[in-house]
Every structure is written in C-alpha cells, then in structure tokens.
Amino acid sequence: MILGLSTSAFTQLHVFISLAAILSGFIVVLGFLTGKLYPVITAFFLTTTVLTSVTGFLFPIHGVTPGIVVGIISLAVLLFAVLARYSGHLVHAWRRTYVITAMIALWLNVFVLIAQSFEKVHALHKLAPTNTEPPFKIAQLITLIIFVVLTFAADKSFRPMTY
C-alpha cells in the first residue's frame, strides 16, 4: 500500500500524472514556438511534473536507482523553472532560464517514458531487454536530438508579453 492505494492503483495514478505532465508539456512547447504564454497549462505542466517525481519517490525502492537520480535532477531543474516563471516573471535572463529548464524537465519525463516503455512493453523489451541495446540507445538519442532542436527553436521564438 502506498498512500492508502494498492501498489497497482498507485502505479496507475503515477503513470496518469506522468502522461498528463508530458501532454501538457508539449502544449507549453507549442506556446514557446508560437510565442504564446499559456498560464493555466504552464501551471498544470509544472505541478504535474513535480508530482511525477514526488510520486516516483514513494515506490518501495531500496537504494539509489536511475529513477531516483532522474527524479532528483528533475526537481532541481523544476525549481529553476518555477523561479524563472513566477519570481523572475520571464524578464531578461529568466525567460531563457524558464525555456531551457522547462524543456529539460519535459525531456526527462519523455526519457523515463521511453525507458519504461522498453521495460514494460513486451515488443520493445524483446528489442532491448537490458536497455543497453542499440534500439533503446537510438530511441533515446533521437529524442535527445529532437529536444535540443526544439529547445533552440523555443528559445529563439518565445518572447511573451510579460506582466
């Protein structure tokens, strides 16, 4: 039991929160690319992304795992994203800080989604049973390249009216 839920139910909740974070994150990226600020979606993205890491820490895991490390990095990155967005109001260097940290946080979620997909989806697991085989590495490399390109484009395009 985790927070009064069976491990299975808690896992489903964690996955739902993670997918909501990823989907809302891509809407935020669309806003970056079109120069639009979506305040409600942004708040939802940041909140669900924090919750993704926090709920990940609640699983009965012993010792430090790659997931724990990713969660800690994600929370550190999100701290800067929240500060840039809500304390820095996207003024001056805070705009770039927000774009980059929000993109990193989204990439980390997608990175874990890919890793979990290769772990849990039978067809993918057969291709890369230890997540060290070329199909896994290629999927992660392509994703990283896409996110680097998107981050540069977002940084160039996102010039919202600040208030």
N, C-alpha and C. Protein backbone atom coordinates (compact mmCIF):
# COMPACT_ATOMS: atom_id res chain seq x y z
N MET A 1 0.84 -1.19 0.00
CA MET A 1 0.00 0.00 0.00
C MET A 1 0.89 1.26 0.00
N ILE A 2 0.49 2.19 -0.84
CA ILE A 2 1.19 3.48 -0.92
C ILE A 2 0.12 4.56 -0.86
N LEU A 3 0.19 5.40 0.16
CA LEU A 3 -0.80 6.46 0.38
C LEU A 3 -2.23 5.91 0.37
N GLY A 4 -2.40 4.73 0.94
CA GLY A 4 -3.72 4.12 1.02
C GLY A 4 -4.18 3.42 -0.25
N LEU A 5 -3.35 3.40 -1.26
CA LEU A 5 -3.69 2.74 -2.52
C LEU A 5 -2.86 1.47 -2.66
N SER A 6 -3.41 0.49 -3.36
CA SER A 6 -2.60 -0.68 -3.68
C SER A 6 -1.45 -0.22 -4.57
N THR A 7 -0.39 -1.01 -4.59
CA THR A 7 0.76 -0.65 -5.44
C THR A 7 0.33 -0.51 -6.89
N SER A 8 -0.57 -1.39 -7.34
CA SER A 8 -1.06 -1.32 -8.71
C SER A 8 -1.83 -0.02 -8.97
N ALA A 9 -2.72 0.33 -8.06
CA ALA A 9 -3.50 1.57 -8.22
C ALA A 9 -2.60 2.79 -8.15
N PHE A 10 -1.62 2.77 -7.25
CA PHE A 10 -0.69 3.89 -7.14
C PHE A 10 0.15 4.02 -8.41
N THR A 11 0.55 2.88 -8.96
CA THR A 11 1.33 2.90 -10.22
C THR A 11 0.49 3.53 -11.32
N GLN A 12 -0.77 3.15 -11.41
CA GLN A 12 -1.66 3.74 -12.43
C GLN A 12 -1.80 5.25 -12.23
N LEU A 13 -1.94 5.68 -10.99
CA LEU A 13 -2.01 7.12 -10.70
C LEU A 13 -0.73 7.82 -11.12
N HIS A 14 0.41 7.24 -10.77
CA HIS A 14 1.71 7.81 -11.15
C HIS A 14 1.84 7.93 -12.67
N VAL A 15 1.45 6.88 -13.38
CA VAL A 15 1.53 6.89 -14.85
C VAL A 15 0.60 7.95 -15.41
N PHE A 16 -0.61 8.05 -14.87
CA PHE A 16 -1.57 9.07 -15.34
C PHE A 16 -1.00 10.47 -15.14
N ILE A 17 -0.44 10.74 -13.97
CA ILE A 17 0.16 12.05 -13.69
C ILE A 17 1.31 12.31 -14.66
N SER A 18 2.14 11.31 -14.88
CA SER A 18 3.29 11.46 -15.78
C SER A 18 2.85 11.77 -17.21
N LEU A 19 1.85 11.05 -17.69
CA LEU A 19 1.35 11.29 -19.05
C LEU A 19 0.69 12.67 -19.16
N ALA A 20 -0.01 13.09 -18.12
CA ALA A 20 -0.62 14.42 -18.11
C ALA A 20 0.48 15.49 -18.15
N ALA A 21 1.57 15.25 -17.43
CA ALA A 21 2.69 16.19 -17.45
C ALA A 21 3.30 16.28 -18.84
N ILE A 22 3.48 15.13 -19.47
CA ILE A 22 4.09 15.12 -20.82
C ILE A 22 3.17 15.80 -21.83
N LEU A 23 1.91 15.46 -21.82
CA LEU A 23 0.98 16.08 -22.79
C LEU A 23 0.88 17.58 -22.58
N SER A 24 0.74 18.02 -21.34
CA SER A 24 0.67 19.46 -21.09
C SER A 24 2.00 20.13 -21.42
N GLY A 25 3.10 19.41 -21.21
CA GLY A 25 4.41 19.95 -21.56
C GLY A 25 4.54 20.24 -23.04
N PHE A 26 3.97 19.36 -23.86
CA PHE A 26 4.04 19.62 -25.30
C PHE A 26 3.17 20.80 -25.70
N ILE A 27 2.11 21.07 -24.97
CA ILE A 27 1.32 22.27 -25.23
C ILE A 27 2.13 23.51 -24.85
N VAL A 28 2.86 23.43 -23.74
CA VAL A 28 3.75 24.53 -23.35
C VAL A 28 4.80 24.77 -24.43
N VAL A 29 5.37 23.69 -24.97
CA VAL A 29 6.36 23.81 -26.05
C VAL A 29 5.73 24.49 -27.27
N LEU A 30 4.51 24.11 -27.60
CA LEU A 30 3.81 24.77 -28.70
C LEU A 30 3.70 26.27 -28.43
N GLY A 31 3.41 26.62 -27.19
CA GLY A 31 3.38 28.04 -26.81
C GLY A 31 4.73 28.70 -26.99
N PHE A 32 5.79 28.00 -26.61
CA PHE A 32 7.14 28.55 -26.82
C PHE A 32 7.37 28.85 -28.29
N LEU A 33 7.00 27.90 -29.14
CA LEU A 33 7.29 28.02 -30.57
C LEU A 33 6.43 29.07 -31.26
N THR A 34 5.28 29.36 -30.68
CA THR A 34 4.39 30.36 -31.27
C THR A 34 4.40 31.68 -30.49
N GLY A 35 5.25 31.76 -29.47
CA GLY A 35 5.36 32.99 -28.69
C GLY A 35 4.19 33.25 -27.76
N LYS A 36 3.49 32.19 -27.39
CA LYS A 36 2.31 32.35 -26.53
C LYS A 36 2.61 31.80 -25.14
N LEU A 37 2.04 32.47 -24.17
CA LEU A 37 2.17 32.05 -22.78
C LEU A 37 0.82 31.47 -22.36
N TYR A 38 0.81 30.23 -21.99
CA TYR A 38 -0.42 29.57 -21.54
C TYR A 38 -0.34 29.41 -20.03
N PRO A 39 -0.81 30.39 -19.26
CA PRO A 39 -0.61 30.36 -17.81
C PRO A 39 -1.21 29.13 -17.11
N VAL A 40 -2.41 28.74 -17.47
CA VAL A 40 -3.05 27.61 -16.79
C VAL A 40 -2.35 26.30 -17.16
N ILE A 41 -2.07 26.12 -18.44
CA ILE A 41 -1.39 24.90 -18.89
C ILE A 41 0.03 24.85 -18.31
N THR A 42 0.69 26.00 -18.24
CA THR A 42 2.03 26.05 -17.67
C THR A 42 2.01 25.61 -16.21
N ALA A 43 1.08 26.15 -15.44
CA ALA A 43 0.97 25.77 -14.03
C ALA A 43 0.66 24.28 -13.89
N PHE A 44 -0.22 23.77 -14.75
CA PHE A 44 -0.56 22.34 -14.73
C PHE A 44 0.67 21.50 -15.07
N PHE A 45 1.40 21.90 -16.10
CA PHE A 45 2.62 21.19 -16.51
C PHE A 45 3.63 21.14 -15.37
N LEU A 46 3.92 22.29 -14.79
CA LEU A 46 4.92 22.34 -13.72
C LEU A 46 4.46 21.52 -12.51
N THR A 47 3.21 21.63 -12.15
CA THR A 47 2.68 20.89 -11.00
C THR A 47 2.71 19.38 -11.24
N THR A 48 2.23 18.95 -12.39
CA THR A 48 2.21 17.50 -12.65
C THR A 48 3.61 16.95 -12.83
N THR A 49 4.53 17.76 -13.33
CA THR A 49 5.90 17.29 -13.47
C THR A 49 6.56 17.14 -12.10
N VAL A 50 6.30 18.06 -11.20
CA VAL A 50 6.77 17.90 -9.82
C VAL A 50 6.14 16.66 -9.20
N LEU A 51 4.84 16.49 -9.37
CA LEU A 51 4.16 15.33 -8.81
C LEU A 51 4.67 14.02 -9.39
N THR A 52 5.08 14.03 -10.64
CA THR A 52 5.67 12.83 -11.24
C THR A 52 6.89 12.39 -10.45
N SER A 53 7.78 13.33 -10.15
CA SER A 53 8.98 12.99 -9.38
C SER A 53 8.63 12.59 -7.96
N VAL A 54 7.77 13.37 -7.32
CA VAL A 54 7.42 13.10 -5.93
C VAL A 54 6.76 11.73 -5.78
N THR A 55 5.81 11.41 -6.65
CA THR A 55 5.16 10.10 -6.55
C THR A 55 6.15 8.98 -6.88
N GLY A 56 7.11 9.25 -7.75
CA GLY A 56 8.13 8.25 -8.06
C GLY A 56 8.97 7.88 -6.85
N PHE A 57 9.19 8.85 -5.96
CA PHE A 57 9.97 8.59 -4.75
C PHE A 57 9.22 7.71 -3.74
N LEU A 58 7.91 7.61 -3.89
CA LEU A 58 7.11 6.89 -2.90
C LEU A 58 7.05 5.38 -3.15
N PHE A 59 7.54 4.93 -4.29
CA PHE A 59 7.55 3.49 -4.55
C PHE A 59 8.54 2.81 -3.59
N PRO A 60 8.23 1.58 -3.20
CA PRO A 60 9.12 0.87 -2.27
C PRO A 60 10.41 0.42 -2.96
N ILE A 61 11.37 1.30 -3.01
CA ILE A 61 12.65 1.05 -3.68
C ILE A 61 13.74 1.14 -2.62
N HIS A 62 14.70 0.26 -2.70
CA HIS A 62 15.81 0.27 -1.74
C HIS A 62 17.07 0.71 -2.47
N GLY A 63 17.67 1.75 -1.95
CA GLY A 63 18.91 2.24 -2.55
C GLY A 63 18.64 3.27 -3.63
N VAL A 64 19.72 3.75 -4.19
CA VAL A 64 19.64 4.76 -5.24
C VAL A 64 19.51 4.04 -6.58
N THR A 65 18.49 4.43 -7.34
CA THR A 65 18.25 3.85 -8.67
C THR A 65 18.37 4.95 -9.71
N PRO A 66 18.46 4.59 -10.98
CA PRO A 66 18.46 5.64 -12.02
C PRO A 66 17.20 6.51 -11.94
N GLY A 67 16.07 5.92 -11.59
CA GLY A 67 14.83 6.69 -11.47
C GLY A 67 14.90 7.73 -10.37
N ILE A 68 15.52 7.37 -9.26
CA ILE A 68 15.68 8.31 -8.15
C ILE A 68 16.59 9.46 -8.58
N VAL A 69 17.65 9.15 -9.27
CA VAL A 69 18.58 10.18 -9.74
C VAL A 69 17.87 11.13 -10.71
N VAL A 70 17.12 10.57 -11.64
CA VAL A 70 16.37 11.40 -12.60
C VAL A 70 15.36 12.27 -11.86
N GLY A 71 14.70 11.71 -10.86
CA GLY A 71 13.73 12.48 -10.08
C GLY A 71 14.37 13.65 -9.35
N ILE A 72 15.52 13.42 -8.76
CA ILE A 72 16.24 14.50 -8.04
C ILE A 72 16.67 15.59 -9.03
N ILE A 73 17.22 15.18 -10.16
CA ILE A 73 17.63 16.16 -11.18
C ILE A 73 16.42 16.94 -11.67
N SER A 74 15.33 16.24 -11.92
CA SER A 74 14.11 16.89 -12.40
C SER A 74 13.62 17.94 -11.40
N LEU A 75 13.59 17.60 -10.12
CA LEU A 75 13.13 18.57 -9.12
C LEU A 75 14.05 19.78 -9.04
N ALA A 76 15.35 19.56 -9.18
CA ALA A 76 16.29 20.69 -9.17
C ALA A 76 16.04 21.60 -10.37
N VAL A 77 15.86 21.00 -11.53
CA VAL A 77 15.59 21.76 -12.75
C VAL A 77 14.26 22.51 -12.62
N LEU A 78 13.26 21.82 -12.07
CA LEU A 78 11.94 22.44 -11.91
C LEU A 78 11.96 23.61 -10.94
N LEU A 79 12.83 23.56 -9.94
CA LEU A 79 12.96 24.68 -9.02
C LEU A 79 13.33 25.95 -9.80
N PHE A 80 14.28 25.82 -10.71
CA PHE A 80 14.68 26.97 -11.52
C PHE A 80 13.58 27.39 -12.49
N ALA A 81 12.85 26.43 -13.04
CA ALA A 81 11.74 26.76 -13.95
C ALA A 81 10.66 27.55 -13.21
N VAL A 82 10.33 27.11 -12.02
CA VAL A 82 9.30 27.81 -11.23
C VAL A 82 9.79 29.19 -10.82
N LEU A 83 11.04 29.28 -10.38
CA LEU A 83 11.58 30.59 -10.02
C LEU A 83 11.58 31.54 -11.22
N ALA A 84 12.01 31.04 -12.37
CA ALA A 84 12.06 31.88 -13.57
C ALA A 84 10.68 32.34 -13.98
N ARG A 85 9.72 31.44 -13.92
CA ARG A 85 8.36 31.77 -14.37
C ARG A 85 7.64 32.69 -13.39
N TYR A 86 7.69 32.36 -12.11
CA TYR A 86 6.84 33.06 -11.16
C TYR A 86 7.54 34.13 -10.33
N SER A 87 8.82 34.00 -10.08
CA SER A 87 9.55 35.05 -9.36
C SER A 87 10.26 36.00 -10.32
N GLY A 88 10.86 35.43 -11.35
CA GLY A 88 11.57 36.24 -12.34
C GLY A 88 10.66 36.84 -13.39
N HIS A 89 9.41 36.36 -13.46
CA HIS A 89 8.40 36.87 -14.40
C HIS A 89 8.88 36.87 -15.85
N LEU A 90 9.81 35.97 -16.17
CA LEU A 90 10.32 35.80 -17.54
C LEU A 90 11.04 37.04 -18.07
N VAL A 91 11.49 37.89 -17.17
CA VAL A 91 12.19 39.11 -17.57
C VAL A 91 13.68 38.81 -17.73
N HIS A 92 14.24 39.34 -18.79
CA HIS A 92 15.68 39.23 -19.08
C HIS A 92 16.11 37.76 -19.11
N ALA A 93 17.13 37.40 -18.35
CA ALA A 93 17.67 36.04 -18.39
C ALA A 93 16.69 35.00 -17.86
N TRP A 94 15.69 35.44 -17.11
CA TRP A 94 14.70 34.49 -16.58
C TRP A 94 13.89 33.82 -17.70
N ARG A 95 13.69 34.53 -18.82
CA ARG A 95 12.95 33.93 -19.93
C ARG A 95 13.70 32.72 -20.46
N ARG A 96 14.97 32.91 -20.75
CA ARG A 96 15.78 31.81 -21.26
C ARG A 96 15.92 30.69 -20.23
N THR A 97 16.09 31.05 -18.97
CA THR A 97 16.18 30.05 -17.90
C THR A 97 14.91 29.22 -17.87
N TYR A 98 13.77 29.88 -17.97
CA TYR A 98 12.50 29.15 -17.95
C TYR A 98 12.37 28.20 -19.15
N VAL A 99 12.65 28.70 -20.33
CA VAL A 99 12.53 27.87 -21.53
C VAL A 99 13.42 26.64 -21.42
N ILE A 100 14.67 26.85 -21.08
CA ILE A 100 15.62 25.73 -21.03
C ILE A 100 15.26 24.74 -19.93
N THR A 101 14.94 25.23 -18.75
CA THR A 101 14.63 24.30 -17.66
C THR A 101 13.30 23.58 -17.88
N ALA A 102 12.32 24.26 -18.45
CA ALA A 102 11.05 23.58 -18.76
C ALA A 102 11.28 22.49 -19.81
N MET A 103 12.11 22.79 -20.80
CA MET A 103 12.40 21.80 -21.83
C MET A 103 13.17 20.61 -21.25
N ILE A 104 14.11 20.87 -20.36
CA ILE A 104 14.86 19.77 -19.73
C ILE A 104 13.91 18.90 -18.90
N ALA A 105 13.03 19.54 -18.15
CA ALA A 105 12.08 18.78 -17.32
C ALA A 105 11.19 17.90 -18.19
N LEU A 106 10.71 18.44 -19.30
CA LEU A 106 9.88 17.65 -20.20
C LEU A 106 10.70 16.51 -20.82
N TRP A 107 11.92 16.81 -21.25
CA TRP A 107 12.78 15.76 -21.82
C TRP A 107 13.02 14.64 -20.81
N LEU A 108 13.26 14.99 -19.55
CA LEU A 108 13.47 13.95 -18.54
C LEU A 108 12.24 13.06 -18.41
N ASN A 109 11.05 13.65 -18.46
CA ASN A 109 9.82 12.84 -18.41
C ASN A 109 9.73 11.91 -19.61
N VAL A 110 10.05 12.43 -20.78
CA VAL A 110 9.99 11.61 -22.00
C VAL A 110 11.08 10.54 -21.96
N PHE A 111 12.25 10.88 -21.46
CA PHE A 111 13.34 9.92 -21.29
C PHE A 111 12.87 8.73 -20.46
N VAL A 112 12.22 9.02 -19.33
CA VAL A 112 11.72 7.95 -18.46
C VAL A 112 10.58 7.19 -19.14
N LEU A 113 9.73 7.89 -19.88
CA LEU A 113 8.65 7.21 -20.61
C LEU A 113 9.24 6.19 -21.59
N ILE A 114 10.27 6.57 -22.30
CA ILE A 114 10.90 5.65 -23.24
C ILE A 114 11.52 4.46 -22.49
N ALA A 115 12.23 4.77 -21.41
CA ALA A 115 12.85 3.69 -20.62
C ALA A 115 11.80 2.73 -20.09
N GLN A 116 10.71 3.27 -19.55
CA GLN A 116 9.65 2.42 -19.02
C GLN A 116 8.95 1.65 -20.13
N SER A 117 8.82 2.26 -21.29
CA SER A 117 8.20 1.57 -22.42
C SER A 117 9.04 0.36 -22.83
N PHE A 118 10.36 0.54 -22.89
CA PHE A 118 11.23 -0.58 -23.23
C PHE A 118 11.22 -1.64 -22.12
N GLU A 119 10.93 -1.23 -20.91
CA GLU A 119 10.88 -2.17 -19.80
C GLU A 119 9.55 -2.93 -19.76
N LYS A 120 8.44 -2.25 -20.05
CA LYS A 120 7.11 -2.82 -19.82
C LYS A 120 6.39 -3.31 -21.07
N VAL A 121 6.68 -2.75 -22.23
CA VAL A 121 6.01 -3.16 -23.47
C VAL A 121 6.78 -4.34 -24.05
N HIS A 122 6.11 -5.46 -24.13
CA HIS A 122 6.77 -6.72 -24.49
C HIS A 122 7.59 -6.62 -25.79
N ALA A 123 7.00 -6.06 -26.83
CA ALA A 123 7.70 -5.98 -28.12
C ALA A 123 8.98 -5.14 -28.01
N LEU A 124 8.92 -4.05 -27.28
CA LEU A 124 10.11 -3.22 -27.10
C LEU A 124 11.12 -3.90 -26.18
N HIS A 125 10.63 -4.56 -25.15
CA HIS A 125 11.52 -5.26 -24.22
C HIS A 125 12.33 -6.34 -24.93
N LYS A 126 11.70 -7.00 -25.89
CA LYS A 126 12.42 -8.02 -26.66
C LYS A 126 13.56 -7.41 -27.47
N LEU A 127 13.36 -6.16 -27.93
CA LEU A 127 14.41 -5.48 -28.71
C LEU A 127 15.58 -5.03 -27.84
N ALA A 128 15.28 -4.69 -26.58
CA ALA A 128 16.33 -4.17 -25.69
C ALA A 128 16.04 -4.59 -24.26
N PRO A 129 16.29 -5.85 -23.93
CA PRO A 129 15.94 -6.35 -22.60
C PRO A 129 16.69 -5.71 -21.44
N THR A 130 17.86 -5.15 -21.69
CA THR A 130 18.60 -4.51 -20.59
C THR A 130 18.70 -2.99 -20.75
N ASN A 131 18.02 -2.45 -21.73
CA ASN A 131 18.07 -1.00 -22.03
C ASN A 131 19.49 -0.52 -22.34
N THR A 132 20.32 -1.42 -22.84
CA THR A 132 21.66 -1.03 -23.26
C THR A 132 21.88 -1.36 -24.74
N GLU A 133 20.89 -1.98 -25.36
CA GLU A 133 21.00 -2.40 -26.75
C GLU A 133 20.75 -1.22 -27.69
N PRO A 134 21.20 -1.35 -28.94
CA PRO A 134 21.06 -0.25 -29.91
C PRO A 134 19.64 0.31 -30.07
N PRO A 135 18.57 -0.48 -30.13
CA PRO A 135 17.25 0.14 -30.31
C PRO A 135 16.90 1.16 -29.21
N PHE A 136 17.25 0.81 -27.97
CA PHE A 136 17.00 1.72 -26.85
C PHE A 136 17.86 2.97 -26.99
N LYS A 137 19.14 2.77 -27.23
CA LYS A 137 20.06 3.90 -27.35
C LYS A 137 19.68 4.81 -28.52
N ILE A 138 19.27 4.24 -29.62
CA ILE A 138 18.86 5.03 -30.80
C ILE A 138 17.61 5.84 -30.49
N ALA A 139 16.64 5.21 -29.84
CA ALA A 139 15.40 5.92 -29.47
C ALA A 139 15.72 7.10 -28.56
N GLN A 140 16.58 6.88 -27.58
CA GLN A 140 16.93 7.96 -26.65
C GLN A 140 17.75 9.05 -27.35
N LEU A 141 18.63 8.66 -28.24
CA LEU A 141 19.45 9.65 -28.97
C LEU A 141 18.58 10.51 -29.88
N ILE A 142 17.67 9.89 -30.60
CA ILE A 142 16.77 10.65 -31.48
C ILE A 142 15.93 11.62 -30.65
N THR A 143 15.43 11.15 -29.51
CA THR A 143 14.64 12.00 -28.64
C THR A 143 15.47 13.18 -28.14
N LEU A 144 16.70 12.92 -27.73
CA LEU A 144 17.57 13.99 -27.26
C LEU A 144 17.82 15.02 -28.37
N ILE A 145 18.09 14.56 -29.57
CA ILE A 145 18.32 15.47 -30.70
C ILE A 145 17.09 16.33 -30.95
N ILE A 146 15.92 15.70 -30.95
CA ILE A 146 14.67 16.45 -31.15
C ILE A 146 14.51 17.52 -30.08
N PHE A 147 14.80 17.16 -28.83
CA PHE A 147 14.63 18.13 -27.74
C PHE A 147 15.66 19.26 -27.82
N VAL A 148 16.87 18.96 -28.23
CA VAL A 148 17.88 20.02 -28.38
C VAL A 148 17.43 21.00 -29.46
N VAL A 149 16.97 20.48 -30.59
CA VAL A 149 16.50 21.34 -31.67
C VAL A 149 15.29 22.16 -31.21
N LEU A 150 14.33 21.50 -30.55
CA LEU A 150 13.15 22.21 -30.04
C LEU A 150 13.53 23.29 -29.03
N THR A 151 14.51 23.00 -28.19
CA THR A 151 14.93 23.98 -27.18
C THR A 151 15.53 25.21 -27.84
N PHE A 152 16.38 25.02 -28.83
CA PHE A 152 16.94 26.17 -29.56
C PHE A 152 15.83 26.97 -30.24
N ALA A 153 14.90 26.27 -30.89
CA ALA A 153 13.79 26.95 -31.56
C ALA A 153 12.90 27.67 -30.55
N ALA A 154 12.65 27.04 -29.42
CA ALA A 154 11.81 27.65 -28.39
C ALA A 154 12.47 28.90 -27.82
N ASP A 155 13.76 28.81 -27.58
CA ASP A 155 14.47 29.97 -27.04
C ASP A 155 14.43 31.14 -28.01
N LYS A 156 14.54 30.84 -29.28
CA LYS A 156 14.51 31.89 -30.30
C LYS A 156 13.10 32.49 -30.47
N SER A 157 12.08 31.66 -30.36
CA SER A 157 10.71 32.07 -30.67
C SER A 157 9.96 32.68 -29.49
N PHE A 158 10.25 32.24 -28.28
CA PHE A 158 9.43 32.60 -27.13
C PHE A 158 9.79 33.98 -26.61
N ARG A 159 8.94 34.93 -26.93
CA ARG A 159 9.09 36.31 -26.46
C ARG A 159 7.73 36.80 -25.99
N PRO A 160 7.25 36.26 -24.88
CA PRO A 160 5.90 36.62 -24.44
C PRO A 160 5.85 38.03 -23.87
N MET A 161 4.67 38.57 -23.87
CA MET A 161 4.45 39.83 -23.15
C MET A 161 4.48 39.46 -21.68
N THR A 162 5.36 40.08 -20.93
CA THR A 162 5.44 39.77 -19.51
C THR A 162 4.60 40.75 -18.72
N TYR A 163 4.17 40.28 -17.59
CA TYR A 163 3.35 41.12 -16.72
C TYR A 163 3.55 40.73 -15.29
